[in-house]
Amino acid sequence: MTKLPGSMRQLLSFSLLLGSLLLSSCGFQLRGQLPLAKYPAIYLQGDKHSQLLTELSTQLRRNNVQLPEQSSLQIPQIKLDRDSLQRRTLSLFPNGQVAEYELIYTVNYQLQLPNQEPVPYQIELFRDYQDDPNRALAKARELDLLLSELRGQAVARIIRQLGRL
């Protein structure tokens, strides 16, 4: 390995220091598991066959949160009211078929903390989706992957909301 001249080392050191200061000053931090120590147990309510409820319970368990079977007034409750996917046409092919959609994934839920009234929340996530009628099977799989990604982002937002309370 070759040695750098003194001025190059100083410039490199200064650049690293400046970069780390900029990242720390803007509030950047790595996200992994969120500390939910305030909530050792949370009761989840919703459609037991919902993929959103399944993913939310998995993420809460990863964050060391117990999920009791019965509700209690001493623990927070999350009630998933509904999630829906809507499509809005963005562009058309010259023959009139839809070329591009905007997917709108909406999640309505209520969060009730102990000794408080439930507070309703709504999450809306948007994605563009290009449709190709000649590749219907591949596009159906792509749509499933997009929906799974949207669910994951909705769950992350719900958990971040819990962490802020």
N, C-alpha and C. Protein backbone atom coordinates (compact mmCIF):
# COMPACT_ATOMS: atom_id res chain seq x y z
N MET A 1 0.85 -1.18 0.00
CA MET A 1 0.00 0.00 0.00
C MET A 1 0.89 1.24 0.00
N THR A 2 0.55 2.20 -0.82
CA THR A 2 1.38 3.40 -0.93
C THR A 2 0.95 4.41 0.12
N LYS A 3 1.90 5.20 0.56
CA LYS A 3 1.61 6.24 1.54
C LYS A 3 1.10 7.48 0.82
N LEU A 4 0.12 8.09 1.42
CA LEU A 4 -0.41 9.33 0.88
C LEU A 4 0.41 10.50 1.39
N PRO A 5 0.58 11.54 0.57
CA PRO A 5 1.27 12.73 1.07
C PRO A 5 0.47 13.36 2.21
N GLY A 6 1.13 14.14 3.04
CA GLY A 6 0.50 14.76 4.21
C GLY A 6 -0.74 15.56 3.87
N SER A 7 -0.70 16.34 2.79
CA SER A 7 -1.85 17.16 2.43
C SER A 7 -3.05 16.30 2.00
N MET A 8 -2.78 15.17 1.34
CA MET A 8 -3.86 14.27 0.92
C MET A 8 -4.50 13.62 2.14
N ARG A 9 -3.70 13.22 3.13
CA ARG A 9 -4.23 12.62 4.35
C ARG A 9 -5.10 13.63 5.10
N GLN A 10 -4.64 14.87 5.16
CA GLN A 10 -5.41 15.90 5.84
C GLN A 10 -6.73 16.15 5.12
N LEU A 11 -6.70 16.19 3.79
CA LEU A 11 -7.90 16.40 3.00
C LEU A 11 -8.88 15.23 3.19
N LEU A 12 -8.36 14.01 3.18
CA LEU A 12 -9.20 12.84 3.40
C LEU A 12 -9.81 12.85 4.79
N SER A 13 -9.01 13.16 5.79
CA SER A 13 -9.51 13.23 7.18
C SER A 13 -10.57 14.31 7.31
N PHE A 14 -10.33 15.47 6.70
CA PHE A 14 -11.30 16.55 6.75
C PHE A 14 -12.60 16.16 6.05
N SER A 15 -12.49 15.48 4.92
CA SER A 15 -13.68 15.05 4.17
C SER A 15 -14.50 14.06 5.00
N LEU A 16 -13.85 13.11 5.64
CA LEU A 16 -14.55 12.15 6.47
C LEU A 16 -15.22 12.83 7.66
N LEU A 17 -14.52 13.76 8.28
CA LEU A 17 -15.09 14.50 9.41
C LEU A 17 -16.29 15.32 8.96
N LEU A 18 -16.16 16.01 7.85
CA LEU A 18 -17.25 16.83 7.33
C LEU A 18 -18.46 15.96 6.97
N GLY A 19 -18.21 14.83 6.32
CA GLY A 19 -19.31 13.92 5.96
C GLY A 19 -20.04 13.40 7.17
N SER A 20 -19.31 13.00 8.20
CA SER A 20 -19.97 12.47 9.40
C SER A 20 -20.72 13.58 10.14
N LEU A 21 -20.21 14.79 10.15
CA LEU A 21 -20.92 15.90 10.77
C LEU A 21 -22.21 16.22 10.03
N LEU A 22 -22.15 16.20 8.71
CA LEU A 22 -23.36 16.47 7.92
C LEU A 22 -24.43 15.41 8.16
N LEU A 23 -24.01 14.14 8.19
CA LEU A 23 -24.98 13.07 8.41
C LEU A 23 -25.58 13.15 9.81
N SER A 24 -24.79 13.42 10.81
CA SER A 24 -25.32 13.48 12.16
C SER A 24 -26.16 14.73 12.38
N SER A 25 -25.84 15.83 11.72
CA SER A 25 -26.60 17.06 11.92
C SER A 25 -27.97 17.02 11.26
N CYS A 26 -28.13 16.23 10.21
CA CYS A 26 -29.43 16.16 9.55
C CYS A 26 -30.35 15.14 10.20
N GLY A 27 -29.88 14.44 11.22
CA GLY A 27 -30.73 13.49 11.93
C GLY A 27 -30.69 12.10 11.35
N PHE A 28 -29.78 11.83 10.44
CA PHE A 28 -29.70 10.51 9.83
C PHE A 28 -29.31 9.47 10.89
N GLN A 29 -30.01 8.35 10.86
CA GLN A 29 -29.63 7.22 11.69
C GLN A 29 -30.08 5.94 11.02
N LEU A 30 -29.33 4.89 11.22
CA LEU A 30 -29.68 3.61 10.63
C LEU A 30 -30.92 3.07 11.31
N ARG A 31 -31.75 2.41 10.53
CA ARG A 31 -32.97 1.83 11.10
C ARG A 31 -32.85 0.33 11.10
N GLY A 32 -33.14 -0.23 12.19
CA GLY A 32 -33.20 -1.67 12.33
C GLY A 32 -34.44 -1.94 13.14
N GLN A 33 -34.26 -2.60 14.24
CA GLN A 33 -35.37 -2.80 15.14
C GLN A 33 -35.60 -1.50 15.91
N LEU A 34 -36.85 -1.15 16.08
CA LEU A 34 -37.17 0.06 16.83
C LEU A 34 -37.38 -0.31 18.29
N PRO A 35 -36.85 0.47 19.20
CA PRO A 35 -37.06 0.17 20.61
C PRO A 35 -38.49 0.50 21.03
N LEU A 36 -39.23 -0.49 21.37
CA LEU A 36 -40.60 -0.29 21.84
C LEU A 36 -40.70 -0.73 23.30
N ALA A 37 -39.69 -0.37 24.10
CA ALA A 37 -39.64 -0.79 25.50
C ALA A 37 -40.82 -0.25 26.30
N LYS A 38 -41.38 0.88 25.84
CA LYS A 38 -42.54 1.45 26.53
C LYS A 38 -43.75 0.52 26.45
N TYR A 39 -43.76 -0.31 25.43
CA TYR A 39 -44.91 -1.17 25.17
C TYR A 39 -44.48 -2.63 25.14
N PRO A 40 -44.35 -3.27 26.30
CA PRO A 40 -43.94 -4.68 26.30
C PRO A 40 -45.02 -5.60 25.74
N ALA A 41 -46.27 -5.12 25.71
CA ALA A 41 -47.37 -5.92 25.16
C ALA A 41 -48.34 -5.00 24.42
N ILE A 42 -48.82 -5.47 23.29
CA ILE A 42 -49.80 -4.73 22.48
C ILE A 42 -50.83 -5.73 21.98
N TYR A 43 -52.09 -5.35 22.11
CA TYR A 43 -53.17 -6.21 21.61
C TYR A 43 -53.50 -5.78 20.19
N LEU A 44 -53.49 -6.75 19.27
CA LEU A 44 -53.84 -6.48 17.87
C LEU A 44 -55.24 -7.00 17.58
N GLN A 45 -55.99 -6.17 16.89
CA GLN A 45 -57.34 -6.56 16.52
C GLN A 45 -57.52 -6.31 15.03
N GLY A 46 -58.11 -7.27 14.35
CA GLY A 46 -58.35 -7.14 12.92
C GLY A 46 -58.70 -8.49 12.33
N ASP A 47 -58.82 -8.52 11.03
CA ASP A 47 -59.12 -9.76 10.32
C ASP A 47 -57.93 -10.71 10.47
N LYS A 48 -58.16 -11.86 11.08
CA LYS A 48 -57.08 -12.81 11.38
C LYS A 48 -56.43 -13.36 10.11
N HIS A 49 -57.10 -13.25 8.97
CA HIS A 49 -56.55 -13.75 7.71
C HIS A 49 -55.88 -12.64 6.89
N SER A 50 -55.80 -11.46 7.46
CA SER A 50 -55.22 -10.32 6.76
C SER A 50 -53.70 -10.46 6.72
N GLN A 51 -53.14 -10.25 5.54
CA GLN A 51 -51.68 -10.30 5.41
C GLN A 51 -51.03 -9.12 6.12
N LEU A 52 -51.72 -8.00 6.18
CA LEU A 52 -51.20 -6.83 6.90
C LEU A 52 -51.10 -7.13 8.39
N LEU A 53 -52.13 -7.74 8.97
CA LEU A 53 -52.11 -8.10 10.39
C LEU A 53 -51.01 -9.11 10.68
N THR A 54 -50.83 -10.07 9.79
CA THR A 54 -49.77 -11.07 9.95
C THR A 54 -48.40 -10.42 9.94
N GLU A 55 -48.17 -9.51 9.00
CA GLU A 55 -46.87 -8.85 8.92
C GLU A 55 -46.63 -7.93 10.10
N LEU A 56 -47.68 -7.23 10.56
CA LEU A 56 -47.54 -6.35 11.72
C LEU A 56 -47.21 -7.16 12.96
N SER A 57 -47.87 -8.29 13.16
CA SER A 57 -47.57 -9.11 14.34
C SER A 57 -46.15 -9.67 14.27
N THR A 58 -45.69 -10.04 13.09
CA THR A 58 -44.32 -10.54 12.93
C THR A 58 -43.31 -9.46 13.30
N GLN A 59 -43.53 -8.24 12.82
CA GLN A 59 -42.60 -7.15 13.11
C GLN A 59 -42.62 -6.77 14.58
N LEU A 60 -43.79 -6.80 15.21
CA LEU A 60 -43.85 -6.48 16.63
C LEU A 60 -43.12 -7.54 17.45
N ARG A 61 -43.27 -8.80 17.07
CA ARG A 61 -42.54 -9.85 17.78
C ARG A 61 -41.03 -9.69 17.61
N ARG A 62 -40.59 -9.27 16.44
CA ARG A 62 -39.17 -9.01 16.22
C ARG A 62 -38.65 -7.88 17.11
N ASN A 63 -39.54 -7.00 17.49
CA ASN A 63 -39.19 -5.90 18.38
C ASN A 63 -39.46 -6.25 19.85
N ASN A 64 -39.57 -7.54 20.13
CA ASN A 64 -39.75 -8.06 21.49
C ASN A 64 -41.02 -7.56 22.17
N VAL A 65 -42.12 -7.48 21.41
CA VAL A 65 -43.41 -7.08 21.95
C VAL A 65 -44.28 -8.32 22.06
N GLN A 66 -44.87 -8.52 23.23
CA GLN A 66 -45.80 -9.63 23.44
C GLN A 66 -47.15 -9.28 22.80
N LEU A 67 -47.81 -10.28 22.24
CA LEU A 67 -49.12 -10.08 21.61
C LEU A 67 -50.14 -10.96 22.32
N PRO A 68 -50.79 -10.43 23.36
CA PRO A 68 -51.75 -11.24 24.13
C PRO A 68 -52.99 -11.56 23.30
N GLU A 69 -53.66 -12.64 23.69
CA GLU A 69 -54.89 -13.07 23.00
C GLU A 69 -56.11 -12.26 23.42
N GLN A 70 -56.07 -11.71 24.64
CA GLN A 70 -57.20 -10.95 25.18
C GLN A 70 -56.82 -9.49 25.34
N SER A 71 -57.77 -8.60 25.09
CA SER A 71 -57.50 -7.18 25.28
C SER A 71 -57.57 -6.83 26.77
N SER A 72 -56.91 -5.75 27.10
CA SER A 72 -56.88 -5.28 28.47
C SER A 72 -56.79 -3.76 28.44
N LEU A 73 -57.32 -3.11 29.47
CA LEU A 73 -57.27 -1.66 29.52
C LEU A 73 -55.88 -1.13 29.85
N GLN A 74 -54.99 -2.01 30.32
CA GLN A 74 -53.65 -1.58 30.72
C GLN A 74 -52.63 -1.65 29.59
N ILE A 75 -52.99 -2.19 28.45
CA ILE A 75 -52.04 -2.30 27.34
C ILE A 75 -52.58 -1.57 26.11
N PRO A 76 -51.69 -1.06 25.27
CA PRO A 76 -52.14 -0.40 24.03
C PRO A 76 -52.83 -1.40 23.10
N GLN A 77 -53.71 -0.86 22.29
CA GLN A 77 -54.44 -1.69 21.33
C GLN A 77 -54.34 -1.05 19.94
N ILE A 78 -54.09 -1.91 18.96
CA ILE A 78 -54.11 -1.46 17.57
C ILE A 78 -55.23 -2.21 16.88
N LYS A 79 -56.15 -1.45 16.31
CA LYS A 79 -57.26 -2.05 15.57
C LYS A 79 -57.09 -1.70 14.10
N LEU A 80 -56.80 -2.71 13.29
CA LEU A 80 -56.70 -2.50 11.84
C LEU A 80 -58.11 -2.54 11.26
N ASP A 81 -58.59 -1.39 10.84
CA ASP A 81 -59.95 -1.32 10.31
C ASP A 81 -60.03 -1.92 8.91
N ARG A 82 -59.21 -1.42 8.00
CA ARG A 82 -59.21 -1.97 6.65
C ARG A 82 -57.99 -1.49 5.89
N ASP A 83 -57.63 -2.26 4.90
CA ASP A 83 -56.60 -1.82 3.96
C ASP A 83 -57.17 -2.05 2.57
N SER A 84 -56.85 -1.16 1.66
CA SER A 84 -57.41 -1.27 0.31
C SER A 84 -56.39 -0.81 -0.72
N LEU A 85 -56.55 -1.33 -1.91
CA LEU A 85 -55.69 -0.95 -3.04
C LEU A 85 -56.59 -0.42 -4.15
N GLN A 86 -56.28 0.80 -4.58
CA GLN A 86 -57.03 1.40 -5.67
C GLN A 86 -56.06 1.71 -6.80
N ARG A 87 -56.60 1.76 -8.02
CA ARG A 87 -55.78 2.09 -9.19
C ARG A 87 -56.36 3.31 -9.87
N ARG A 88 -55.46 4.17 -10.31
CA ARG A 88 -55.87 5.34 -11.07
C ARG A 88 -55.06 5.34 -12.36
N THR A 89 -55.72 5.54 -13.48
CA THR A 89 -55.07 5.52 -14.78
C THR A 89 -54.19 6.76 -14.95
N LEU A 90 -52.94 6.52 -15.33
CA LEU A 90 -52.02 7.62 -15.58
C LEU A 90 -51.79 7.86 -17.06
N SER A 91 -51.70 6.77 -17.86
CA SER A 91 -51.47 6.94 -19.30
C SER A 91 -52.06 5.76 -20.06
N LEU A 92 -52.27 5.99 -21.35
CA LEU A 92 -52.87 4.99 -22.23
C LEU A 92 -51.95 4.72 -23.41
N PHE A 93 -52.04 3.48 -23.95
CA PHE A 93 -51.39 3.17 -25.21
C PHE A 93 -52.19 3.82 -26.34
N PRO A 94 -51.61 3.96 -27.54
CA PRO A 94 -52.36 4.57 -28.65
C PRO A 94 -53.66 3.82 -28.99
N ASN A 95 -53.72 2.52 -28.68
CA ASN A 95 -54.94 1.76 -28.98
C ASN A 95 -56.00 1.89 -27.89
N GLY A 96 -55.72 2.67 -26.83
CA GLY A 96 -56.72 2.91 -25.80
C GLY A 96 -56.56 2.04 -24.56
N GLN A 97 -55.66 1.05 -24.58
CA GLN A 97 -55.45 0.23 -23.39
C GLN A 97 -54.61 1.01 -22.38
N VAL A 98 -54.81 0.67 -21.12
CA VAL A 98 -54.07 1.35 -20.05
C VAL A 98 -52.60 0.95 -20.08
N ALA A 99 -51.72 1.93 -20.08
CA ALA A 99 -50.29 1.67 -20.10
C ALA A 99 -49.68 1.80 -18.70
N GLU A 100 -50.21 2.72 -17.91
CA GLU A 100 -49.62 2.98 -16.60
C GLU A 100 -50.71 3.34 -15.60
N TYR A 101 -50.58 2.75 -14.40
CA TYR A 101 -51.48 3.03 -13.30
C TYR A 101 -50.71 3.69 -12.16
N GLU A 102 -51.45 4.38 -11.32
CA GLU A 102 -50.92 4.77 -10.02
C GLU A 102 -51.66 3.92 -9.00
N LEU A 103 -50.91 3.16 -8.22
CA LEU A 103 -51.50 2.33 -7.17
C LEU A 103 -51.57 3.16 -5.89
N ILE A 104 -52.70 3.11 -5.24
CA ILE A 104 -52.91 3.85 -3.99
C ILE A 104 -53.29 2.82 -2.93
N TYR A 105 -52.37 2.58 -1.99
CA TYR A 105 -52.61 1.62 -0.91
C TYR A 105 -52.96 2.41 0.35
N THR A 106 -54.13 2.15 0.89
CA THR A 106 -54.64 2.88 2.04
C THR A 106 -54.85 1.93 3.21
N VAL A 107 -54.36 2.33 4.37
CA VAL A 107 -54.55 1.56 5.60
C VAL A 107 -55.20 2.48 6.62
N ASN A 108 -56.33 2.04 7.17
CA ASN A 108 -57.00 2.75 8.26
C ASN A 108 -56.86 1.91 9.52
N TYR A 109 -56.39 2.55 10.58
CA TYR A 109 -56.26 1.84 11.85
C TYR A 109 -56.50 2.80 13.00
N GLN A 110 -56.75 2.21 14.17
CA GLN A 110 -56.93 3.00 15.38
C GLN A 110 -55.91 2.55 16.41
N LEU A 111 -55.39 3.50 17.14
CA LEU A 111 -54.44 3.22 18.20
C LEU A 111 -55.04 3.73 19.49
N GLN A 112 -55.16 2.85 20.46
CA GLN A 112 -55.71 3.23 21.75
C GLN A 112 -54.68 2.93 22.83
N LEU A 113 -54.19 3.98 23.46
CA LEU A 113 -53.25 3.84 24.57
C LEU A 113 -54.04 3.64 25.86
N PRO A 114 -53.42 3.09 26.90
CA PRO A 114 -54.14 2.86 28.16
C PRO A 114 -54.76 4.15 28.70
N ASN A 115 -56.01 4.06 29.13
CA ASN A 115 -56.76 5.16 29.73
C ASN A 115 -56.93 6.35 28.79
N GLN A 116 -56.96 6.09 27.49
CA GLN A 116 -57.17 7.14 26.51
C GLN A 116 -58.19 6.68 25.48
N GLU A 117 -58.72 7.65 24.75
CA GLU A 117 -59.66 7.35 23.67
C GLU A 117 -58.88 6.86 22.45
N PRO A 118 -59.49 6.01 21.62
CA PRO A 118 -58.80 5.58 20.39
C PRO A 118 -58.58 6.75 19.44
N VAL A 119 -57.42 6.75 18.80
CA VAL A 119 -57.08 7.80 17.83
C VAL A 119 -56.99 7.15 16.45
N PRO A 120 -57.79 7.63 15.49
CA PRO A 120 -57.75 7.05 14.14
C PRO A 120 -56.56 7.59 13.34
N TYR A 121 -55.99 6.71 12.53
CA TYR A 121 -54.89 7.08 11.64
C TYR A 121 -55.18 6.52 10.25
N GLN A 122 -54.61 7.18 9.26
CA GLN A 122 -54.71 6.69 7.89
C GLN A 122 -53.35 6.83 7.23
N ILE A 123 -52.94 5.78 6.55
CA ILE A 123 -51.69 5.78 5.80
C ILE A 123 -52.04 5.60 4.34
N GLU A 124 -51.49 6.45 3.49
CA GLU A 124 -51.65 6.31 2.04
C GLU A 124 -50.27 6.22 1.42
N LEU A 125 -50.08 5.19 0.62
CA LEU A 125 -48.81 4.99 -0.08
C LEU A 125 -49.11 4.93 -1.57
N PHE A 126 -48.22 5.50 -2.38
CA PHE A 126 -48.43 5.59 -3.83
C PHE A 126 -47.28 4.93 -4.58
N ARG A 127 -47.61 4.24 -5.66
CA ARG A 127 -46.61 3.65 -6.55
C ARG A 127 -47.14 3.71 -7.98
N ASP A 128 -46.23 3.92 -8.91
CA ASP A 128 -46.57 3.83 -10.33
C ASP A 128 -46.37 2.39 -10.78
N TYR A 129 -47.25 1.94 -11.66
CA TYR A 129 -47.23 0.56 -12.13
C TYR A 129 -47.50 0.57 -13.62
N GLN A 130 -46.55 0.07 -14.41
CA GLN A 130 -46.73 0.02 -15.85
C GLN A 130 -47.32 -1.33 -16.23
N ASP A 131 -48.40 -1.28 -16.97
CA ASP A 131 -49.10 -2.49 -17.36
C ASP A 131 -48.72 -2.85 -18.79
N ASP A 132 -48.64 -4.15 -19.06
CA ASP A 132 -48.37 -4.64 -20.40
C ASP A 132 -49.27 -5.85 -20.62
N PRO A 133 -50.32 -5.70 -21.42
CA PRO A 133 -51.26 -6.80 -21.62
C PRO A 133 -50.61 -8.04 -22.26
N ASN A 134 -49.48 -7.87 -22.93
CA ASN A 134 -48.81 -9.00 -23.56
C ASN A 134 -48.04 -9.85 -22.55
N ARG A 135 -47.81 -9.33 -21.37
CA ARG A 135 -47.08 -10.06 -20.32
C ARG A 135 -47.92 -10.08 -19.04
N ALA A 136 -49.13 -10.57 -19.14
CA ALA A 136 -50.08 -10.52 -18.03
C ALA A 136 -49.60 -11.30 -16.81
N LEU A 137 -49.02 -12.47 -17.00
CA LEU A 137 -48.57 -13.29 -15.87
C LEU A 137 -47.43 -12.61 -15.12
N ALA A 138 -46.47 -12.07 -15.84
CA ALA A 138 -45.34 -11.38 -15.21
C ALA A 138 -45.81 -10.12 -14.50
N LYS A 139 -46.75 -9.42 -15.09
CA LYS A 139 -47.26 -8.20 -14.47
C LYS A 139 -48.09 -8.51 -13.23
N ALA A 140 -48.79 -9.62 -13.23
CA ALA A 140 -49.54 -10.02 -12.03
C ALA A 140 -48.58 -10.31 -10.89
N ARG A 141 -47.47 -10.98 -11.18
CA ARG A 141 -46.46 -11.26 -10.16
C ARG A 141 -45.82 -9.96 -9.67
N GLU A 142 -45.55 -9.04 -10.58
CA GLU A 142 -44.98 -7.75 -10.20
C GLU A 142 -45.94 -6.97 -9.29
N LEU A 143 -47.23 -7.03 -9.60
CA LEU A 143 -48.23 -6.37 -8.78
C LEU A 143 -48.26 -6.96 -7.38
N ASP A 144 -48.16 -8.29 -7.27
CA ASP A 144 -48.11 -8.94 -5.95
C ASP A 144 -46.89 -8.48 -5.15
N LEU A 145 -45.75 -8.38 -5.81
CA LEU A 145 -44.53 -7.92 -5.14
C LEU A 145 -44.67 -6.46 -4.67
N LEU A 146 -45.26 -5.62 -5.51
CA LEU A 146 -45.48 -4.22 -5.14
C LEU A 146 -46.41 -4.12 -3.94
N LEU A 147 -47.47 -4.91 -3.94
CA LEU A 147 -48.42 -4.89 -2.83
C LEU A 147 -47.75 -5.36 -1.54
N SER A 148 -46.91 -6.37 -1.64
CA SER A 148 -46.17 -6.84 -0.47
C SER A 148 -45.23 -5.76 0.06
N GLU A 149 -44.57 -5.06 -0.85
CA GLU A 149 -43.68 -3.96 -0.45
C GLU A 149 -44.48 -2.83 0.21
N LEU A 150 -45.65 -2.51 -0.32
CA LEU A 150 -46.48 -1.47 0.26
C LEU A 150 -46.95 -1.85 1.66
N ARG A 151 -47.32 -3.13 1.84
CA ARG A 151 -47.70 -3.60 3.18
C ARG A 151 -46.55 -3.44 4.17
N GLY A 152 -45.35 -3.82 3.73
CA GLY A 152 -44.18 -3.69 4.59
C GLY A 152 -43.92 -2.25 5.00
N GLN A 153 -44.10 -1.32 4.05
CA GLN A 153 -43.90 0.09 4.37
C GLN A 153 -44.99 0.61 5.31
N ALA A 154 -46.22 0.12 5.14
CA ALA A 154 -47.31 0.53 6.04
C ALA A 154 -47.03 0.03 7.46
N VAL A 155 -46.56 -1.21 7.58
CA VAL A 155 -46.23 -1.77 8.90
C VAL A 155 -45.11 -0.96 9.54
N ALA A 156 -44.10 -0.60 8.77
CA ALA A 156 -42.99 0.20 9.30
C ALA A 156 -43.49 1.55 9.80
N ARG A 157 -44.43 2.15 9.10
CA ARG A 157 -44.98 3.43 9.55
C ARG A 157 -45.77 3.28 10.84
N ILE A 158 -46.53 2.20 10.96
CA ILE A 158 -47.31 1.96 12.19
C ILE A 158 -46.36 1.80 13.37
N ILE A 159 -45.29 1.05 13.18
CA ILE A 159 -44.33 0.82 14.26
C ILE A 159 -43.59 2.11 14.60
N ARG A 160 -43.25 2.90 13.60
CA ARG A 160 -42.60 4.20 13.88
C ARG A 160 -43.56 5.11 14.65
N GLN A 161 -44.85 5.05 14.31
CA GLN A 161 -45.85 5.85 15.04
C GLN A 161 -45.87 5.43 16.51
N LEU A 162 -45.81 4.14 16.77
CA LEU A 162 -45.76 3.65 18.15
C LEU A 162 -44.52 4.15 18.86
N GLY A 163 -43.40 4.15 18.18
CA GLY A 163 -42.15 4.59 18.78
C GLY A 163 -42.14 6.07 19.12
N ARG A 164 -42.94 6.86 18.40
CA ARG A 164 -43.00 8.31 18.66
C ARG A 164 -43.90 8.66 19.83
N LEU A 165 -44.82 7.78 20.18
CA LEU A 165 -45.78 8.10 21.25
C LEU A 165 -45.17 7.98 22.62
